[in-house]
Amino acid sequence: MDTLIPYDSLALDTLETILDDIVSRDGTDYGDYDLSVAQKREQALRSLRSGEAVLLFDTESETIKMIPKGDLSNYDLF
């Protein structure tokens, strides 16, 4: 089961640490140009603030992931 994490309930430094981890994971390559971790973090934060993306805590892997809000129906939430 996954748990939805309201990003705005997190302290700013905690949120930044989580986003830094997410954007620096394998598979977060941005193609033909390189972005700094800070730039990737800002893009991720904009997606959360706009409601395009949400944070989920995966209880099996004990990690936090960011997914498009439209994909929520694919997850077993509690």
N, C-alpha and C. Protein backbone atom coordinates (compact mmCIF):
# COMPACT_ATOMS: atom_id res chain seq x y z
N MET A 1 0.83 -1.18 0.00
CA MET A 1 0.00 0.00 0.00
C MET A 1 0.87 1.24 0.00
N ASP A 2 0.36 2.27 -0.60
CA ASP A 2 1.06 3.54 -0.66
C ASP A 2 0.28 4.59 0.12
N THR A 3 0.99 5.58 0.61
CA THR A 3 0.36 6.66 1.36
C THR A 3 0.67 7.98 0.67
N LEU A 4 -0.36 8.75 0.42
CA LEU A 4 -0.21 10.08 -0.17
C LEU A 4 0.38 11.01 0.88
N ILE A 5 1.39 11.77 0.48
CA ILE A 5 2.04 12.72 1.39
C ILE A 5 1.77 14.13 0.87
N PRO A 6 1.00 14.92 1.61
CA PRO A 6 0.80 16.31 1.19
C PRO A 6 2.14 17.06 1.28
N TYR A 7 2.65 17.50 0.14
CA TYR A 7 3.98 18.13 0.13
C TYR A 7 4.02 19.35 1.03
N ASP A 8 2.89 20.06 1.14
CA ASP A 8 2.88 21.29 1.92
C ASP A 8 2.79 21.04 3.43
N SER A 9 2.71 19.76 3.83
CA SER A 9 2.74 19.44 5.25
C SER A 9 4.17 19.20 5.74
N LEU A 10 5.11 19.18 4.82
CA LEU A 10 6.51 18.92 5.16
C LEU A 10 7.26 20.23 5.39
N ALA A 11 8.21 20.18 6.30
CA ALA A 11 9.10 21.32 6.49
C ALA A 11 9.89 21.52 5.20
N LEU A 12 10.20 22.77 4.86
CA LEU A 12 10.87 23.07 3.60
C LEU A 12 12.17 22.30 3.43
N ASP A 13 12.99 22.23 4.48
CA ASP A 13 14.26 21.50 4.34
C ASP A 13 14.03 20.01 4.13
N THR A 14 12.99 19.45 4.74
CA THR A 14 12.66 18.03 4.53
C THR A 14 12.20 17.81 3.10
N LEU A 15 11.33 18.70 2.61
CA LEU A 15 10.84 18.60 1.24
C LEU A 15 12.00 18.70 0.25
N GLU A 16 12.90 19.64 0.45
CA GLU A 16 14.05 19.79 -0.45
C GLU A 16 14.92 18.54 -0.45
N THR A 17 15.13 17.94 0.70
CA THR A 17 15.93 16.71 0.79
C THR A 17 15.25 15.57 0.03
N ILE A 18 13.94 15.45 0.19
CA ILE A 18 13.18 14.42 -0.52
C ILE A 18 13.27 14.64 -2.02
N LEU A 19 13.06 15.88 -2.46
CA LEU A 19 13.10 16.17 -3.89
C LEU A 19 14.50 15.96 -4.45
N ASP A 20 15.53 16.33 -3.71
CA ASP A 20 16.90 16.09 -4.16
C ASP A 20 17.14 14.60 -4.39
N ASP A 21 16.63 13.77 -3.47
CA ASP A 21 16.78 12.33 -3.62
C ASP A 21 16.03 11.83 -4.86
N ILE A 22 14.81 12.30 -5.04
CA ILE A 22 14.00 11.86 -6.17
C ILE A 22 14.65 12.24 -7.50
N VAL A 23 15.07 13.48 -7.64
CA VAL A 23 15.59 13.94 -8.93
C VAL A 23 16.99 13.44 -9.24
N SER A 24 17.66 12.88 -8.24
CA SER A 24 19.01 12.37 -8.50
C SER A 24 19.03 10.85 -8.67
N ARG A 25 17.88 10.22 -8.64
CA ARG A 25 17.82 8.76 -8.84
C ARG A 25 18.09 8.42 -10.30
N ASP A 26 18.50 7.18 -10.52
CA ASP A 26 18.67 6.68 -11.88
C ASP A 26 17.36 6.83 -12.64
N GLY A 27 17.47 7.18 -13.91
CA GLY A 27 16.27 7.31 -14.74
C GLY A 27 15.68 8.70 -14.74
N THR A 28 16.38 9.66 -14.12
CA THR A 28 15.86 11.03 -14.12
C THR A 28 16.68 11.92 -15.03
N ASP A 29 17.22 11.33 -16.09
CA ASP A 29 17.99 12.07 -17.09
C ASP A 29 17.05 12.99 -17.86
N TYR A 30 17.50 14.17 -18.18
CA TYR A 30 16.67 15.15 -18.85
C TYR A 30 17.00 15.32 -20.32
N GLY A 31 17.66 14.34 -20.90
CA GLY A 31 17.86 14.34 -22.35
C GLY A 31 19.10 15.06 -22.80
N ASP A 32 18.92 15.96 -23.77
CA ASP A 32 20.04 16.60 -24.46
C ASP A 32 20.76 17.67 -23.64
N TYR A 33 20.22 18.04 -22.51
CA TYR A 33 20.86 19.08 -21.72
C TYR A 33 20.90 18.64 -20.26
N ASP A 34 21.89 19.17 -19.56
CA ASP A 34 22.06 18.83 -18.16
C ASP A 34 21.48 19.93 -17.28
N LEU A 35 20.78 19.51 -16.26
CA LEU A 35 20.27 20.45 -15.26
C LEU A 35 20.93 20.11 -13.93
N SER A 36 21.13 21.13 -13.11
CA SER A 36 21.67 20.89 -11.78
C SER A 36 20.58 20.26 -10.92
N VAL A 37 20.98 19.68 -9.81
CA VAL A 37 20.01 19.11 -8.88
C VAL A 37 19.05 20.21 -8.41
N ALA A 38 19.57 21.41 -8.19
CA ALA A 38 18.71 22.52 -7.75
C ALA A 38 17.66 22.86 -8.82
N GLN A 39 18.06 22.85 -10.10
CA GLN A 39 17.11 23.12 -11.18
C GLN A 39 16.05 22.03 -11.28
N LYS A 40 16.48 20.78 -11.15
CA LYS A 40 15.54 19.66 -11.18
C LYS A 40 14.58 19.73 -9.99
N ARG A 41 15.12 20.10 -8.82
CA ARG A 41 14.29 20.24 -7.63
C ARG A 41 13.23 21.31 -7.83
N GLU A 42 13.62 22.44 -8.41
CA GLU A 42 12.66 23.52 -8.67
C GLU A 42 11.57 23.08 -9.63
N GLN A 43 11.93 22.33 -10.67
CA GLN A 43 10.92 21.80 -11.60
C GLN A 43 9.96 20.87 -10.88
N ALA A 44 10.49 20.00 -10.04
CA ALA A 44 9.65 19.07 -9.29
C ALA A 44 8.73 19.82 -8.33
N LEU A 45 9.25 20.83 -7.67
CA LEU A 45 8.45 21.62 -6.74
C LEU A 45 7.33 22.35 -7.48
N ARG A 46 7.62 22.87 -8.66
CA ARG A 46 6.57 23.53 -9.47
C ARG A 46 5.46 22.54 -9.82
N SER A 47 5.84 21.31 -10.14
CA SER A 47 4.84 20.27 -10.46
C SER A 47 3.97 19.95 -9.25
N LEU A 48 4.57 19.91 -8.08
CA LEU A 48 3.79 19.67 -6.86
C LEU A 48 2.86 20.84 -6.57
N ARG A 49 3.39 22.04 -6.65
CA ARG A 49 2.58 23.24 -6.35
C ARG A 49 1.43 23.43 -7.32
N SER A 50 1.64 23.07 -8.57
CA SER A 50 0.58 23.23 -9.58
C SER A 50 -0.45 22.12 -9.50
N GLY A 51 -0.16 21.07 -8.76
CA GLY A 51 -1.07 19.95 -8.64
C GLY A 51 -0.90 18.90 -9.73
N GLU A 52 0.11 19.06 -10.57
CA GLU A 52 0.38 18.09 -11.63
C GLU A 52 0.95 16.78 -11.09
N ALA A 53 1.62 16.86 -9.94
CA ALA A 53 2.29 15.69 -9.37
C ALA A 53 1.99 15.60 -7.88
N VAL A 54 2.17 14.41 -7.33
CA VAL A 54 1.98 14.17 -5.90
C VAL A 54 3.12 13.30 -5.38
N LEU A 55 3.29 13.32 -4.07
CA LEU A 55 4.29 12.48 -3.42
C LEU A 55 3.60 11.28 -2.79
N LEU A 56 4.18 10.10 -2.97
CA LEU A 56 3.67 8.87 -2.37
C LEU A 56 4.77 8.20 -1.58
N PHE A 57 4.41 7.68 -0.42
CA PHE A 57 5.32 6.85 0.35
C PHE A 57 5.00 5.40 0.03
N ASP A 58 5.97 4.69 -0.50
CA ASP A 58 5.82 3.28 -0.84
C ASP A 58 6.21 2.47 0.38
N THR A 59 5.22 1.81 1.01
CA THR A 59 5.48 1.08 2.24
C THR A 59 6.34 -0.16 2.04
N GLU A 60 6.33 -0.73 0.84
CA GLU A 60 7.15 -1.92 0.58
C GLU A 60 8.63 -1.57 0.50
N SER A 61 8.95 -0.55 -0.29
CA SER A 61 10.36 -0.17 -0.45
C SER A 61 10.80 0.89 0.55
N GLU A 62 9.83 1.44 1.29
CA GLU A 62 10.08 2.51 2.25
C GLU A 62 10.79 3.69 1.61
N THR A 63 10.30 4.05 0.42
CA THR A 63 10.83 5.22 -0.29
C THR A 63 9.67 6.14 -0.67
N ILE A 64 10.03 7.36 -0.96
CA ILE A 64 9.05 8.33 -1.43
C ILE A 64 9.26 8.51 -2.93
N LYS A 65 8.17 8.53 -3.66
CA LYS A 65 8.25 8.76 -5.10
C LYS A 65 7.29 9.87 -5.48
N MET A 66 7.58 10.49 -6.61
CA MET A 66 6.72 11.53 -7.14
C MET A 66 6.11 10.99 -8.43
N ILE A 67 4.77 11.10 -8.52
CA ILE A 67 4.08 10.59 -9.70
C ILE A 67 3.13 11.65 -10.23
N PRO A 68 2.77 11.56 -11.51
CA PRO A 68 1.74 12.46 -12.03
C PRO A 68 0.41 12.22 -11.31
N LYS A 69 -0.31 13.27 -10.98
CA LYS A 69 -1.56 13.13 -10.25
C LYS A 69 -2.54 12.22 -10.98
N GLY A 70 -2.53 12.25 -12.30
CA GLY A 70 -3.41 11.42 -13.10
C GLY A 70 -3.17 9.94 -12.95
N ASP A 71 -2.02 9.56 -12.40
CA ASP A 71 -1.68 8.15 -12.22
C ASP A 71 -2.11 7.60 -10.86
N LEU A 72 -2.74 8.41 -10.02
CA LEU A 72 -3.12 7.97 -8.68
C LEU A 72 -4.02 6.73 -8.70
N SER A 73 -4.86 6.61 -9.69
CA SER A 73 -5.80 5.48 -9.74
C SER A 73 -5.07 4.14 -9.90
N ASN A 74 -3.81 4.18 -10.29
CA ASN A 74 -3.01 2.96 -10.45
C ASN A 74 -2.42 2.45 -9.15
N TYR A 75 -2.64 3.18 -8.05
CA TYR A 75 -2.01 2.84 -6.78
C TYR A 75 -3.07 2.47 -5.75
N ASP A 76 -2.68 1.56 -4.87
CA ASP A 76 -3.52 1.12 -3.77
C ASP A 76 -3.20 2.02 -2.58
N LEU A 77 -4.04 3.01 -2.35
CA LEU A 77 -3.78 3.99 -1.30
C LEU A 77 -4.57 3.68 -0.05
N PHE A 78 -3.98 4.08 1.07
CA PHE A 78 -4.74 4.03 2.32
C PHE A 78 -4.54 5.27 3.10
